[in-house]
Amino acid sequence: MAKIQGIIVNYRVGPKTQRSKEIIIQFTHVNSASEASRLIGRKVAWKNGENKIVGKIVDLHGRKGLVRARFRRGLPGQAIGTTVELIG
């Protein structure tokens, strides 16, 4: 089975706050909210060399197929624009 990869778009941000534990992800070939809703509850991993930070998809973000994932540890700024892998 092919590994499903997504791209980290940004942190979840508000007018005065930035939540580094919550990330907005765009998965390839997912273009609608109904397709993205099937991913809720699955685990994702961000790999940086030997380090791996695991998170979970918790909700949708908008209507174009983006999802919101919550990670155990906050991701660094270098993670924006890199890939995450669907693991569960």
N, C-alpha and C. Protein backbone atom coordinates (compact mmCIF):
# COMPACT_ATOMS: atom_id res chain seq x y z
N MET A 1 0.84 -1.18 0.00
CA MET A 1 0.00 0.00 0.00
C MET A 1 0.88 1.25 0.00
N ALA A 2 0.53 2.21 -0.81
CA ALA A 2 1.32 3.44 -0.90
C ALA A 2 1.11 4.29 0.35
N LYS A 3 2.17 4.95 0.76
CA LYS A 3 2.09 5.82 1.92
C LYS A 3 1.43 7.13 1.52
N ILE A 4 0.48 7.54 2.31
CA ILE A 4 -0.23 8.80 2.04
C ILE A 4 0.53 9.92 2.74
N GLN A 5 0.90 10.94 1.98
CA GLN A 5 1.66 12.04 2.53
C GLN A 5 0.88 13.34 2.39
N GLY A 6 1.09 14.21 3.36
CA GLY A 6 0.48 15.52 3.32
C GLY A 6 1.53 16.58 3.56
N ILE A 7 1.19 17.82 3.25
CA ILE A 7 2.11 18.94 3.42
C ILE A 7 1.60 19.83 4.55
N ILE A 8 2.50 20.22 5.44
CA ILE A 8 2.15 21.12 6.52
C ILE A 8 2.01 22.52 5.94
N VAL A 9 0.81 23.09 6.08
CA VAL A 9 0.53 24.40 5.52
C VAL A 9 0.91 25.50 6.50
N ASN A 10 0.48 25.35 7.76
CA ASN A 10 0.74 26.39 8.76
C ASN A 10 0.36 25.86 10.13
N TYR A 11 0.70 26.63 11.14
CA TYR A 11 0.18 26.39 12.47
C TYR A 11 -1.28 26.84 12.51
N ARG A 12 -2.00 26.43 13.55
CA ARG A 12 -3.32 27.01 13.78
C ARG A 12 -3.10 28.33 14.49
N VAL A 13 -3.54 29.41 13.88
CA VAL A 13 -3.27 30.74 14.41
C VAL A 13 -4.56 31.50 14.63
N GLY A 14 -4.49 32.43 15.57
CA GLY A 14 -5.59 33.34 15.85
C GLY A 14 -5.07 34.77 15.71
N PRO A 15 -5.88 35.75 16.07
CA PRO A 15 -5.43 37.14 15.95
C PRO A 15 -4.20 37.46 16.80
N LYS A 16 -4.09 36.83 17.98
CA LYS A 16 -2.97 37.14 18.86
C LYS A 16 -2.22 35.89 19.33
N THR A 17 -2.61 34.71 18.87
CA THR A 17 -1.99 33.49 19.37
C THR A 17 -1.54 32.61 18.21
N GLN A 18 -0.56 31.76 18.51
CA GLN A 18 -0.12 30.74 17.56
C GLN A 18 0.00 29.44 18.34
N ARG A 19 -0.70 28.42 17.89
CA ARG A 19 -0.67 27.14 18.59
C ARG A 19 0.29 26.21 17.86
N SER A 20 1.47 26.03 18.43
CA SER A 20 2.49 25.24 17.74
C SER A 20 2.22 23.75 17.83
N LYS A 21 1.28 23.33 18.67
CA LYS A 21 0.93 21.92 18.74
C LYS A 21 -0.16 21.54 17.74
N GLU A 22 -0.83 22.53 17.17
CA GLU A 22 -1.89 22.26 16.20
C GLU A 22 -1.46 22.75 14.83
N ILE A 23 -1.54 21.85 13.86
CA ILE A 23 -1.01 22.09 12.53
C ILE A 23 -2.12 21.89 11.50
N ILE A 24 -2.11 22.70 10.45
CA ILE A 24 -3.03 22.53 9.33
C ILE A 24 -2.30 21.78 8.22
N ILE A 25 -2.91 20.70 7.73
CA ILE A 25 -2.27 19.82 6.76
C ILE A 25 -3.14 19.69 5.52
N GLN A 26 -2.50 19.71 4.35
CA GLN A 26 -3.17 19.45 3.08
C GLN A 26 -2.65 18.12 2.53
N PHE A 27 -3.53 17.13 2.40
CA PHE A 27 -3.15 15.85 1.83
C PHE A 27 -3.35 15.86 0.33
N THR A 28 -2.45 15.17 -0.38
CA THR A 28 -2.57 15.10 -1.83
C THR A 28 -3.81 14.28 -2.20
N HIS A 29 -4.49 14.65 -3.24
CA HIS A 29 -5.68 13.99 -3.77
C HIS A 29 -6.88 14.07 -2.83
N VAL A 30 -6.86 14.96 -1.85
CA VAL A 30 -8.02 15.20 -0.98
C VAL A 30 -8.46 16.62 -1.25
N ASN A 31 -9.64 16.76 -1.90
CA ASN A 31 -10.06 18.08 -2.35
C ASN A 31 -11.38 18.55 -1.78
N SER A 32 -12.00 17.77 -0.90
CA SER A 32 -13.29 18.20 -0.34
C SER A 32 -13.36 17.81 1.12
N ALA A 33 -14.31 18.42 1.81
CA ALA A 33 -14.48 18.15 3.23
C ALA A 33 -14.96 16.72 3.47
N SER A 34 -15.75 16.17 2.55
CA SER A 34 -16.24 14.81 2.74
C SER A 34 -15.11 13.79 2.62
N GLU A 35 -14.15 14.03 1.72
CA GLU A 35 -12.99 13.13 1.62
C GLU A 35 -12.09 13.28 2.84
N ALA A 36 -11.91 14.50 3.31
CA ALA A 36 -11.03 14.74 4.46
C ALA A 36 -11.64 14.23 5.75
N SER A 37 -12.96 14.17 5.84
CA SER A 37 -13.59 13.73 7.08
C SER A 37 -13.30 12.26 7.38
N ARG A 38 -12.93 11.48 6.35
CA ARG A 38 -12.56 10.08 6.57
C ARG A 38 -11.21 9.93 7.26
N LEU A 39 -10.42 11.00 7.27
CA LEU A 39 -9.09 10.95 7.88
C LEU A 39 -9.10 11.28 9.37
N ILE A 40 -10.21 11.79 9.89
CA ILE A 40 -10.28 12.19 11.29
C ILE A 40 -10.09 10.97 12.18
N GLY A 41 -9.21 11.13 13.17
CA GLY A 41 -8.92 10.05 14.10
C GLY A 41 -7.68 9.26 13.75
N ARG A 42 -7.15 9.44 12.55
CA ARG A 42 -5.94 8.70 12.15
C ARG A 42 -4.69 9.44 12.62
N LYS A 43 -3.61 8.71 12.75
CA LYS A 43 -2.37 9.28 13.25
C LYS A 43 -1.46 9.70 12.10
N VAL A 44 -0.70 10.76 12.35
CA VAL A 44 0.28 11.25 11.40
C VAL A 44 1.62 11.38 12.12
N ALA A 45 2.70 11.31 11.35
CA ALA A 45 4.04 11.45 11.92
C ALA A 45 4.85 12.41 11.07
N TRP A 46 5.58 13.30 11.76
CA TRP A 46 6.52 14.19 11.11
C TRP A 46 7.91 13.70 11.45
N LYS A 47 8.71 13.44 10.43
CA LYS A 47 10.05 12.89 10.65
C LYS A 47 11.09 13.94 10.31
N ASN A 48 12.06 14.07 11.22
CA ASN A 48 13.19 14.96 11.02
C ASN A 48 14.45 14.18 11.34
N GLY A 49 15.03 13.56 10.33
CA GLY A 49 16.17 12.70 10.58
C GLY A 49 15.73 11.46 11.33
N GLU A 50 16.28 11.26 12.52
CA GLU A 50 15.90 10.11 13.34
C GLU A 50 14.72 10.42 14.26
N ASN A 51 14.42 11.70 14.45
CA ASN A 51 13.33 12.10 15.34
C ASN A 51 11.99 11.94 14.64
N LYS A 52 10.98 11.55 15.42
CA LYS A 52 9.63 11.42 14.88
C LYS A 52 8.66 11.97 15.91
N ILE A 53 7.83 12.90 15.50
CA ILE A 53 6.80 13.47 16.37
C ILE A 53 5.45 12.99 15.85
N VAL A 54 4.67 12.37 16.71
CA VAL A 54 3.41 11.76 16.31
C VAL A 54 2.26 12.65 16.75
N GLY A 55 1.26 12.78 15.87
CA GLY A 55 0.07 13.54 16.17
C GLY A 55 -1.17 12.82 15.67
N LYS A 56 -2.31 13.44 15.89
CA LYS A 56 -3.59 12.83 15.52
C LYS A 56 -4.44 13.88 14.82
N ILE A 57 -5.12 13.46 13.75
CA ILE A 57 -6.02 14.36 13.03
C ILE A 57 -7.30 14.50 13.85
N VAL A 58 -7.63 15.74 14.21
CA VAL A 58 -8.74 15.97 15.12
C VAL A 58 -9.96 16.63 14.48
N ASP A 59 -9.77 17.36 13.36
CA ASP A 59 -10.92 18.09 12.82
C ASP A 59 -10.61 18.55 11.40
N LEU A 60 -11.63 19.02 10.72
CA LEU A 60 -11.48 19.62 9.40
C LEU A 60 -11.07 21.08 9.56
N HIS A 61 -10.53 21.64 8.48
CA HIS A 61 -10.21 23.06 8.45
C HIS A 61 -10.73 23.60 7.12
N GLY A 62 -11.88 24.19 7.15
CA GLY A 62 -12.47 24.73 5.93
C GLY A 62 -13.20 23.67 5.13
N ARG A 63 -13.49 23.98 3.86
CA ARG A 63 -14.28 23.09 3.01
C ARG A 63 -13.49 22.54 1.83
N LYS A 64 -12.19 22.78 1.78
CA LYS A 64 -11.40 22.38 0.62
C LYS A 64 -10.49 21.19 0.89
N GLY A 65 -10.73 20.48 1.98
CA GLY A 65 -9.98 19.26 2.21
C GLY A 65 -8.81 19.37 3.16
N LEU A 66 -8.63 20.51 3.81
CA LEU A 66 -7.56 20.64 4.79
C LEU A 66 -8.03 20.06 6.12
N VAL A 67 -7.08 19.54 6.89
CA VAL A 67 -7.39 18.96 8.20
C VAL A 67 -6.50 19.61 9.25
N ARG A 68 -6.93 19.48 10.50
CA ARG A 68 -6.18 20.00 11.64
C ARG A 68 -5.68 18.82 12.47
N ALA A 69 -4.40 18.80 12.76
CA ALA A 69 -3.80 17.72 13.54
C ALA A 69 -3.21 18.31 14.81
N ARG A 70 -3.33 17.56 15.90
CA ARG A 70 -2.75 17.96 17.18
C ARG A 70 -1.60 17.02 17.51
N PHE A 71 -0.44 17.60 17.75
CA PHE A 71 0.76 16.81 18.02
C PHE A 71 1.06 16.78 19.51
N ARG A 72 1.80 15.76 19.94
CA ARG A 72 2.16 15.61 21.35
C ARG A 72 3.13 16.69 21.78
N ARG A 73 4.09 16.99 20.92
CA ARG A 73 5.02 18.08 21.17
C ARG A 73 4.82 19.11 20.07
N GLY A 74 5.17 20.34 20.36
CA GLY A 74 5.06 21.38 19.34
C GLY A 74 6.07 21.17 18.23
N LEU A 75 5.66 21.42 17.01
CA LEU A 75 6.57 21.28 15.87
C LEU A 75 7.36 22.57 15.68
N PRO A 76 8.62 22.46 15.26
CA PRO A 76 9.42 23.67 15.02
C PRO A 76 8.97 24.38 13.75
N GLY A 77 9.41 25.61 13.59
CA GLY A 77 9.05 26.38 12.40
C GLY A 77 9.57 25.79 11.11
N GLN A 78 10.67 25.01 11.19
CA GLN A 78 11.22 24.39 9.98
C GLN A 78 10.28 23.33 9.42
N ALA A 79 9.29 22.90 10.18
CA ALA A 79 8.36 21.88 9.72
C ALA A 79 7.37 22.41 8.69
N ILE A 80 7.13 23.71 8.67
CA ILE A 80 6.16 24.27 7.72
C ILE A 80 6.68 24.09 6.30
N GLY A 81 5.86 23.49 5.45
CA GLY A 81 6.23 23.22 4.07
C GLY A 81 6.80 21.84 3.86
N THR A 82 7.04 21.09 4.94
CA THR A 82 7.57 19.72 4.82
C THR A 82 6.42 18.72 4.84
N THR A 83 6.75 17.45 4.73
CA THR A 83 5.70 16.43 4.62
C THR A 83 5.49 15.70 5.93
N VAL A 84 4.26 15.24 6.10
CA VAL A 84 3.90 14.31 7.18
C VAL A 84 3.37 13.05 6.52
N GLU A 85 3.41 11.97 7.27
CA GLU A 85 3.01 10.67 6.74
C GLU A 85 1.86 10.11 7.58
N LEU A 86 0.86 9.59 6.91
CA LEU A 86 -0.26 8.95 7.58
C LEU A 86 0.18 7.58 8.05
N ILE A 87 0.11 7.29 9.37
CA ILE A 87 0.62 6.04 9.88
C ILE A 87 -0.45 5.14 10.49
N GLY A 88 -1.64 5.66 10.75
CA GLY A 88 -2.63 4.81 11.39
C GLY A 88 -4.01 5.09 10.95
